[in-house]
PDB file of N, CA and C in Angstrom:
ATOM      1  N   MET A   1      87.521 290.884  89.360  1.00  0.00           N
ATOM      2  CA  MET A   1      87.698 291.380  90.715  1.00  0.00           C
ATOM      3  C   MET A   1      86.734 290.646  91.650  1.00  0.00           C
ATOM      4  N   ASP A   2      87.223 290.406  92.826  1.00  0.00           N
ATOM      5  CA  ASP A   2      86.345 289.777  93.809  1.00  0.00           C
ATOM      6  C   ASP A   2      85.498 290.844  94.513  1.00  0.00           C
ATOM      7  N   THR A   3      84.584 290.420  95.332  1.00  0.00           N
ATOM      8  CA  THR A   3      83.622 291.347  95.954  1.00  0.00           C
ATOM      9  C   THR A   3      84.281 292.294  96.951  1.00  0.00           C
ATOM     10  N   LYS A   4      85.342 291.839  97.631  1.00  0.00           N
ATOM     11  CA  LYS A   4      86.027 292.726  98.588  1.00  0.00           C
ATOM     12  C   LYS A   4      86.692 293.892  97.855  1.00  0.00           C
ATOM     13  N   THR A   5      87.326 293.583  96.755  1.00  0.00           N
ATOM     14  CA  THR A   5      87.990 294.631  95.979  1.00  0.00           C
ATOM     15  C   THR A   5      86.960 295.595  95.395  1.00  0.00           C
ATOM     16  N   GLN A   6      85.858 295.057  94.882  1.00  0.00           N
ATOM     17  CA  GLN A   6      84.803 295.922  94.343  1.00  0.00           C
ATOM     18  C   GLN A   6      84.234 296.831  95.430  1.00  0.00           C
ATOM     19  N   ARG A   7      84.050 296.289  96.608  1.00  0.00           N
ATOM     20  CA  ARG A   7      83.517 297.087  97.720  1.00  0.00           C
ATOM     21  C   ARG A   7      84.489 298.203  98.095  1.00  0.00           C
ATOM     22  N   LYS A   8      85.790 297.875  98.143  1.00  0.00           N
ATOM     23  CA  LYS A   8      86.801 298.887  98.472  1.00  0.00           C
ATOM     24  C   LYS A   8      86.844 299.981  97.406  1.00  0.00           C
ATOM     25  N   VAL A   9      86.726 299.595  96.147  1.00  0.00           N
ATOM     26  CA  VAL A   9      86.730 300.576  95.053  1.00  0.00           C
ATOM     27  C   VAL A   9      85.503 301.479  95.150  1.00  0.00           C
ATOM     28  N   LYS A  10      84.333 300.908  95.447  1.00  0.00           N
ATOM     29  CA  LYS A  10      83.118 301.712  95.593  1.00  0.00           C
ATOM     30  C   LYS A  10      83.249 302.696  96.748  1.00  0.00           C
ATOM     31  N   ILE A  11      83.784 302.219  97.881  1.00  0.00           N
ATOM     32  CA  ILE A  11      83.975 303.106  99.036  1.00  0.00           C
ATOM     33  C   ILE A  11      84.952 304.220  98.686  1.00  0.00           C
ATOM     34  N   LEU A  12      86.032 303.866  97.988  1.00  0.00           N
ATOM     35  CA  LEU A  12      87.014 304.871  97.585  1.00  0.00           C
ATOM     36  C   LEU A  12      86.392 305.904  96.646  1.00  0.00           C
ATOM     37  N   LEU A  13      85.575 305.464  95.697  1.00  0.00           N
ATOM     38  CA  LEU A  13      84.916 306.390  94.775  1.00  0.00           C
ATOM     39  C   LEU A  13      83.930 307.304  95.501  1.00  0.00           C
ATOM     40  N   VAL A  14      83.177 306.751  96.442  1.00  0.00           N
ATOM     41  CA  VAL A  14      82.218 307.560  97.201  1.00  0.00           C
ATOM     42  C   VAL A  14      82.951 308.601  98.040  1.00  0.00           C
ATOM     43  N   MET A  15      84.031 308.193  98.700  1.00  0.00           N
ATOM     44  CA  MET A  15      84.791 309.147  99.523  1.00  0.00           C
ATOM     45  C   MET A  15      85.446 310.222  98.655  1.00  0.00           C
ATOM     46  N   THR A  16      85.973 309.823  97.508  1.00  0.00           N
ATOM     47  CA  THR A  16      86.577 310.796  96.591  1.00  0.00           C
ATOM     48  C   THR A  16      85.530 311.790  96.098  1.00  0.00           C
ATOM     49  N   ALA A  17      84.360 311.294  95.738  1.00  0.00           N
ATOM     50  CA  ALA A  17      83.281 312.184  95.295  1.00  0.00           C
ATOM     51  C   ALA A  17      82.854 313.112  96.425  1.00  0.00           C
ATOM     52  N   PHE A  18      82.749 312.585  97.633  1.00  0.00           N
ATOM     53  CA  PHE A  18      82.338 313.390  98.788  1.00  0.00           C
ATOM     54  C   PHE A  18      83.306 314.551  99.015  1.00  0.00           C
ATOM     55  N   PHE A  19      84.605 314.266  99.048  1.00  0.00           N
ATOM     56  CA  PHE A  19      85.586 315.323  99.278  1.00  0.00           C
ATOM     57  C   PHE A  19      85.698 316.264  98.083  1.00  0.00           C
ATOM     58  N   SER A  20      85.552 315.745  96.879  1.00  0.00           N
ATOM     59  CA  SER A  20      85.613 316.609  95.692  1.00  0.00           C
ATOM     60  C   SER A  20      84.450 317.595  95.674  1.00  0.00           C
ATOM     61  N   ILE A  21      83.262 317.120  96.019  1.00  0.00           N
ATOM     62  CA  ILE A  21      82.093 318.007  96.050  1.00  0.00           C
ATOM     63  C   ILE A  21      82.282 319.089  97.103  1.00  0.00           C
ATOM     64  N   GLN A  22      82.843 318.724  98.259  1.00  0.00           N
ATOM     65  CA  GLN A  22      83.094 319.726  99.295  1.00  0.00           C
ATOM     66  C   GLN A  22      84.088 320.776  98.818  1.00  0.00           C
ATOM     67  N   LEU A  23      85.141 320.360  98.146  1.00  0.00           N
ATOM     68  CA  LEU A  23      86.119 321.322  97.634  1.00  0.00           C
ATOM     69  C   LEU A  23      85.508 322.234  96.574  1.00  0.00           C
ATOM     70  N   ILE A  24      84.669 321.680  95.723  1.00  0.00           N
ATOM     71  CA  ILE A  24      83.998 322.500  94.706  1.00  0.00           C
ATOM     72  C   ILE A  24      83.090 323.525  95.370  1.00  0.00           C
ATOM     73  N   ILE A  25      82.344 323.111  96.387  1.00  0.00           N
ATOM     74  CA  ILE A  25      81.449 324.040  97.089  1.00  0.00           C
ATOM     75  C   ILE A  25      82.248 325.136  97.779  1.00  0.00           C
ATOM     76  N   ILE A  26      83.347 324.780  98.429  1.00  0.00           N
ATOM     77  CA  ILE A  26      84.191 325.790  99.079  1.00  0.00           C
ATOM     78  C   ILE A  26      84.730 326.769  98.037  1.00  0.00           C
ATOM     79  N   GLY A  27      85.145 326.256  96.887  1.00  0.00           N
ATOM     80  CA  GLY A  27      85.634 327.137  95.826  1.00  0.00           C
ATOM     81  C   GLY A  27      84.562 328.078  95.318  1.00  0.00           C
ATOM     82  N   LEU A  28      83.341 327.582  95.143  1.00  0.00           N
ATOM     83  CA  LEU A  28      82.253 328.436  94.663  1.00  0.00           C
ATOM     84  C   LEU A  28      81.880 329.497  95.689  1.00  0.00           C
ATOM     85  N   ILE A  29      81.907 329.142  96.962  1.00  0.00           N
ATOM     86  CA  ILE A  29      81.564 330.109  98.007  1.00  0.00           C
ATOM     87  C   ILE A  29      82.616 331.204  98.094  1.00  0.00           C
ATOM     88  N   ASN A  30      83.879 330.846  97.966  1.00  0.00           N
ATOM     89  CA  ASN A  30      84.959 331.816  98.148  1.00  0.00           C
ATOM     90  C   ASN A  30      85.358 332.548  96.874  1.00  0.00           C
ATOM     91  N   TYR A  31      84.758 332.220  95.757  1.00  0.00           N
ATOM     92  CA  TYR A  31      85.096 332.895  94.508  1.00  0.00           C
ATOM     93  C   TYR A  31      84.550 334.324  94.530  1.00  0.00           C
ATOM     94  N   PRO A  32      85.376 335.314  94.232  1.00  0.00           N
ATOM     95  CA  PRO A  32      84.902 336.705  94.270  1.00  0.00           C
ATOM     96  C   PRO A  32      84.098 337.055  93.013  1.00  0.00           C
ATOM     97  N   TRP A  33      82.791 336.885  93.076  1.00  0.00           N
ATOM     98  CA  TRP A  33      81.935 337.179  91.932  1.00  0.00           C
ATOM     99  C   TRP A  33      81.939 338.682  91.684  1.00  0.00           C
ATOM    100  N   ILE A  34      82.082 339.085  90.453  1.00  0.00           N
ATOM    101  CA  ILE A  34      82.151 340.494  90.076  1.00  0.00           C
ATOM    102  C   ILE A  34      80.740 341.014  89.853  1.00  0.00           C
ATOM    103  N   SER A  35      80.457 342.163  90.449  1.00  0.00           N
ATOM    104  CA  SER A  35      79.161 342.806  90.197  1.00  0.00           C
ATOM    105  C   SER A  35      79.425 344.251  89.787  1.00  0.00           C
ATOM    106  N   TYR A  36      78.721 344.691  88.785  1.00  0.00           N
ATOM    107  CA  TYR A  36      78.879 346.036  88.270  1.00  0.00           C
ATOM    108  C   TYR A  36      77.683 346.886  88.681  1.00  0.00           C
ATOM    109  N   TYR A  37      77.926 348.172  88.869  1.00  0.00           N
ATOM    110  CA  TYR A  37      76.875 349.100  89.270  1.00  0.00           C
ATOM    111  C   TYR A  37      76.493 349.984  88.088  1.00  0.00           C
ATOM    112  N   ASP A  38      75.218 350.335  88.022  1.00  0.00           N
ATOM    113  CA  ASP A  38      74.759 351.273  87.006  1.00  0.00           C
ATOM    114  C   ASP A  38      75.290 352.665  87.326  1.00  0.00           C
ATOM    115  N   GLU A  39      75.318 353.516  86.317  1.00  0.00           N
ATOM    116  CA  GLU A  39      75.764 354.894  86.527  1.00  0.00           C
ATOM    117  C   GLU A  39      74.870 355.618  87.531  1.00  0.00           C
ATOM    118  N   ASN A  40      73.573 355.339  87.483  1.00  0.00           N
ATOM    119  CA  ASN A  40      72.652 355.992  88.422  1.00  0.00           C
ATOM    120  C   ASN A  40      72.937 355.577  89.858  1.00  0.00           C
ATOM    121  N   GLU A  41      73.233 354.297  90.071  1.00  0.00           N
ATOM    122  CA  GLU A  41      73.563 353.825  91.418  1.00  0.00           C
ATOM    123  C   GLU A  41      74.843 354.474  91.925  1.00  0.00           C
ATOM    124  N   VAL A  42      75.830 354.596  91.043  1.00  0.00           N
ATOM    125  CA  VAL A  42      77.094 355.221  91.435  1.00  0.00           C
ATOM    126  C   VAL A  42      76.868 356.685  91.787  1.00  0.00           C
ATOM    127  N   GLU A  43      76.080 357.380  90.996  1.00  0.00           N
ATOM    128  CA  GLU A  43      75.781 358.784  91.285  1.00  0.00           C
ATOM    129  C   GLU A  43      75.057 358.933  92.620  1.00  0.00           C
ATOM    130  N   ASP A  44      74.067 358.069  92.867  1.00  0.00           N
ATOM    131  CA  ASP A  44      73.331 358.128  94.132  1.00  0.00           C
ATOM    132  C   ASP A  44      74.244 357.855  95.320  1.00  0.00           C
ATOM    133  N   LEU A  45      75.091 356.845  95.201  1.00  0.00           N
ATOM    134  CA  LEU A  45      76.019 356.543  96.286  1.00  0.00           C
ATOM    135  C   LEU A  45      76.997 357.689  96.512  1.00  0.00           C
ATOM    136  N   ARG A  46      77.500 358.274  95.431  1.00  0.00           N
ATOM    137  CA  ARG A  46      78.436 359.389  95.557  1.00  0.00           C
ATOM    138  C   ARG A  46      77.767 360.576  96.233  1.00  0.00           C
ATOM    139  N   ASP A  47      76.536 360.880  95.818  1.00  0.00           N
ATOM    140  CA  ASP A  47      75.813 361.994  96.435  1.00  0.00           C
ATOM    141  C   ASP A  47      75.533 361.733  97.908  1.00  0.00           C
ATOM    142  N   ASP A  48      75.153 360.500  98.232  1.00  0.00           N
ATOM    143  CA  ASP A  48      74.900 360.159  99.634  1.00  0.00           C
ATOM    144  C   ASP A  48      76.168 360.262 100.475  1.00  0.00           C
ATOM    145  N   MET A  49      77.290 359.825  99.921  1.00  0.00           N
ATOM    146  CA  MET A  49      78.550 359.924 100.667  1.00  0.00           C
ATOM    147  C   MET A  49      78.958 361.377 100.866  1.00  0.00           C
ATOM    148  N   LEU A  50      78.763 362.200  99.835  1.00  0.00           N
ATOM    149  CA  LEU A  50      79.085 363.621  99.979  1.00  0.00           C
ATOM    150  C   LEU A  50      78.182 364.296 101.004  1.00  0.00           C
ATOM    151  N   ASP A  51      76.892 363.974 100.980  1.00  0.00           N
ATOM    152  CA  ASP A  51      75.974 364.534 101.975  1.00  0.00           C
ATOM    153  C   ASP A  51      76.369 364.110 103.380  1.00  0.00           C
ATOM    154  N   PHE A  52      76.722 362.852 103.547  1.00  0.00           N
ATOM    155  CA  PHE A  52      77.129 362.363 104.863  1.00  0.00           C
ATOM    156  C   PHE A  52      78.397 363.069 105.328  1.00  0.00           C
ATOM    157  N   ALA A  53      79.382 363.179 104.431  1.00  0.00           N
ATOM    158  CA  ALA A  53      80.638 363.829 104.807  1.00  0.00           C
ATOM    159  C   ALA A  53      80.415 365.300 105.139  1.00  0.00           C
ATOM    160  N   ASN A  54      79.582 365.979 104.352  1.00  0.00           N
ATOM    161  CA  ASN A  54      79.321 367.396 104.625  1.00  0.00           C
ATOM    162  C   ASN A  54      78.533 367.592 105.910  1.00  0.00           C
ATOM    163  N   SER A  55      77.631 366.683 106.220  1.00  0.00           N
ATOM    164  CA  SER A  55      76.829 366.838 107.434  1.00  0.00           C
ATOM    165  C   SER A  55      77.602 366.462 108.692  1.00  0.00           C
ATOM    166  N   HIS A  56      78.736 365.801 108.551  1.00  0.00           N
ATOM    167  CA  HIS A  56      79.519 365.398 109.716  1.00  0.00           C
ATOM    168  C   HIS A  56      80.869 366.112 109.779  1.00  0.00           C
ATOM    169  N   GLN A  57      80.970 367.253 109.123  1.00  0.00           N
ATOM    170  CA  GLN A  57      82.208 368.015 109.198  1.00  0.00           C
ATOM    171  C   GLN A  57      82.333 368.684 110.558  1.00  0.00           C
ATOM    172  N   ASN A  58      83.559 368.859 110.964  1.00  0.00           N
ATOM    173  CA  ASN A  58      83.833 369.629 112.164  1.00  0.00           C
ATOM    174  C   ASN A  58      83.616 371.102 111.819  1.00  0.00           C
ATOM    175  N   PRO A  59      82.731 371.800 112.540  1.00  0.00           N
ATOM    176  CA  PRO A  59      82.435 373.185 112.166  1.00  0.00           C
ATOM    177  C   PRO A  59      83.627 374.126 112.299  1.00  0.00           C
ATOM    178  N   ASP A  60      84.580 373.789 113.153  1.00  0.00           N
ATOM    179  CA  ASP A  60      85.739 374.673 113.332  1.00  0.00           C
ATOM    180  C   ASP A  60      86.753 374.528 112.209  1.00  0.00           C
ATOM    181  N   SER A  61      87.006 373.300 111.776  1.00  0.00           N
ATOM    182  CA  SER A  61      88.062 373.081 110.791  1.00  0.00           C
ATOM    183  C   SER A  61      87.544 372.683 109.417  1.00  0.00           C
ATOM    184  N   ASP A  62      86.238 372.419 109.278  1.00  0.00           N
ATOM    185  CA  ASP A  62      85.629 371.946 108.030  1.00  0.00           C
ATOM    186  C   ASP A  62      86.254 370.648 107.524  1.00  0.00           C
ATOM    187  N   LEU A  63      86.803 369.870 108.432  1.00  0.00           N
ATOM    188  CA  LEU A  63      87.346 368.567 108.077  1.00  0.00           C
ATOM    189  C   LEU A  63      86.428 367.477 108.597  1.00  0.00           C
ATOM    190  N   PHE A  64      86.574 366.293 108.041  1.00  0.00           N
ATOM    191  CA  PHE A  64      85.777 365.157 108.488  1.00  0.00           C
ATOM    192  C   PHE A  64      86.484 364.488 109.672  1.00  0.00           C
ATOM    193  N   ILE A  65      86.920 365.310 110.603  1.00  0.00           N
ATOM    194  CA  ILE A  65      87.597 364.825 111.803  1.00  0.00           C
ATOM    195  C   ILE A  65      86.910 365.463 112.992  1.00  0.00           C
ATOM    196  N   GLU A  66      86.486 364.648 113.913  1.00  0.00           N
ATOM    197  CA  GLU A  66      85.844 365.149 115.123  1.00  0.00           C
ATOM    198  C   GLU A  66      86.804 364.969 116.290  1.00  0.00           C
ATOM    199  N   PRO A  67      87.254 366.051 116.896  1.00  0.00           N
ATOM    200  CA  PRO A  67      88.249 365.928 117.968  1.00  0.00           C
ATOM    201  C   PRO A  67      87.669 365.471 119.307  1.00  0.00           C
ATOM    202  N   LEU A  68      86.351 365.579 119.492  1.00  0.00           N
ATOM    203  CA  LEU A  68      85.752 365.236 120.773  1.00  0.00           C
ATOM    204  C   LEU A  68      85.068 363.875 120.712  1.00  0.00           C
ATOM    205  N   ILE A  69      85.094 363.161 121.831  1.00  0.00           N
ATOM    206  CA  ILE A  69      84.447 361.849 121.887  1.00  0.00           C
ATOM    207  C   ILE A  69      82.948 361.993 121.682  1.00  0.00           C
ATOM    208  N   ASP A  70      82.343 363.029 122.251  1.00  0.00           N
ATOM    209  CA  ASP A  70      80.903 363.233 122.081  1.00  0.00           C
ATOM    210  C   ASP A  70      80.542 363.438 120.613  1.00  0.00           C
ATOM    211  N   SER A  71      81.363 364.162 119.899  1.00  0.00           N
ATOM    212  CA  SER A  71      81.104 364.384 118.474  1.00  0.00           C
ATOM    213  C   SER A  71      81.238 363.088 117.688  1.00  0.00           C
ATOM    214  N   ASN A  72      82.225 362.283 118.025  1.00  0.00           N
ATOM    215  CA  ASN A  72      82.385 360.990 117.350  1.00  0.00           C
ATOM    216  C   ASN A  72      81.191 360.092 117.612  1.00  0.00           C
ATOM    217  N   TYR A  73      80.702 360.091 118.845  1.00  0.00           N
ATOM    218  CA  TYR A  73      79.539 359.269 119.163  1.00  0.00           C
ATOM    219  C   TYR A  73      78.329 359.757 118.375  1.00  0.00           C
ATOM    220  N   ARG A  74      78.163 361.065 118.237  1.00  0.00           N
ATOM    221  CA  ARG A  74      77.044 361.615 117.475  1.00  0.00           C
ATOM    222  C   ARG A  74      77.137 361.174 116.018  1.00  0.00           C
ATOM    223  N   ALA A  75      78.328 361.185 115.462  1.00  0.00           N
ATOM    224  CA  ALA A  75      78.505 360.795 114.062  1.00  0.00           C
ATOM    225  C   ALA A  75      78.189 359.314 113.862  1.00  0.00           C
ATOM    226  N   ILE A  76      78.638 358.467 114.775  1.00  0.00           N
ATOM    227  CA  ILE A  76      78.379 357.033 114.647  1.00  0.00           C
ATOM    228  C   ILE A  76      76.913 356.734 114.910  1.00  0.00           C
ATOM    229  N   ASP A  77      76.335 357.422 115.896  1.00  0.00           N
ATOM    230  CA  ASP A  77      74.956 357.149 116.283  1.00  0.00           C
ATOM    231  C   ASP A  77      73.961 357.610 115.221  1.00  0.00           C
ATOM    232  N   SER A  78      74.356 358.543 114.370  1.00  0.00           N
ATOM    233  CA  SER A  78      73.422 359.075 113.385  1.00  0.00           C
ATOM    234  C   SER A  78      73.331 358.226 112.121  1.00  0.00           C
ATOM    235  N   VAL A  79      74.144 357.191 112.006  1.00  0.00           N
ATOM    236  CA  VAL A  79      74.092 356.324 110.832  1.00  0.00           C
ATOM    237  C   VAL A  79      72.815 355.496 110.887  1.00  0.00           C
ATOM    238  N   ASN A  80      72.092 355.492 109.786  1.00  0.00           N
ATOM    239  CA  ASN A  80      70.852 354.732 109.705  1.00  0.00           C
ATOM    240  C   ASN A  80      71.185 353.326 109.209  1.00  0.00           C
ATOM    241  N   TYR A  81      71.347 352.392 110.148  1.00  0.00           N
ATOM    242  CA  TYR A  81      71.737 351.034 109.779  1.00  0.00           C
ATOM    243  C   TYR A  81      70.587 350.242 109.175  1.00  0.00           C
ATOM    244  N   SER A  82      69.384 350.761 109.209  1.00  0.00           N
ATOM    245  CA  SER A  82      68.260 350.058 108.593  1.00  0.00           C
ATOM    246  C   SER A  82      68.015 350.543 107.165  1.00  0.00           C
ATOM    247  N   SER A  83      68.919 351.344 106.642  1.00  0.00           N
ATOM    248  CA  SER A  83      68.770 351.852 105.282  1.00  0.00           C
ATOM    249  C   SER A  83      68.829 350.706 104.276  1.00  0.00           C
ATOM    250  N   SER A  84      68.051 350.833 103.219  1.00  0.00           N
ATOM    251  CA  SER A  84      68.049 349.791 102.189  1.00  0.00           C
ATOM    252  C   SER A  84      69.373 349.753 101.440  1.00  0.00           C
ATOM    253  N   LEU A  85      70.123 350.858 101.430  1.00  0.00           N
ATOM    254  CA  LEU A  85      71.423 350.856 100.764  1.00  0.00           C
ATOM    255  C   LEU A  85      72.417 349.969 101.503  1.00  0.00           C
ATOM    256  N   LEU A  86      72.326 349.943 102.837  1.00  0.00           N
ATOM    257  CA  LEU A  86      73.243 349.113 103.605  1.00  0.00           C
ATOM    258  C   LEU A  86      72.849 347.642 103.556  1.00  0.00           C
ATOM    259  N   LEU A  87      71.569 347.362 103.354  1.00  0.00           N
ATOM    260  CA  LEU A  87      71.100 345.984 103.362  1.00  0.00           C
ATOM    261  C   LEU A  87      71.266 345.297 102.017  1.00  0.00           C
ATOM    262  N   SER A  88      71.424 346.062 100.944  1.00  0.00           N
ATOM    263  CA  SER A  88      71.550 345.432  99.629  1.00  0.00           C
ATOM    264  C   SER A  88      72.936 344.825  99.485  1.00  0.00           C
ATOM    265  N   THR A  89      72.990 343.647  98.910  1.00  0.00           N
ATOM    266  CA  THR A  89      74.264 342.943  98.746  1.00  0.00           C
ATOM    267  C   THR A  89      74.568 342.693  97.282  1.00  0.00           C
ATOM    268  N   ASN A  90      74.187 343.606  96.429  1.00  0.00           N
ATOM    269  CA  ASN A  90      74.421 343.417  94.991  1.00  0.00           C
ATOM    270  C   ASN A  90      75.867 343.574  94.685  1.00  0.00           C
TER     271      ASN A  90
END
């Protein structure tokens, strides 16, 4: 092979490697990695959800439905977004 052909082959290999690496990275980022929770974590989350649902029940109907806008705002505003449970990404 002459030098022009070798240069074209090298450029083609570099470009192929560049795009292949990008596709591999995109695949790794978008792959849904499975994570399992311990029984204790599940129990804690279940208890927290039940406490939240019970504390935000409508007193008239005992349902988790708030008919008034003020009540809905109170329910949304009372969520602690700085909780460590919300920040964990396990």
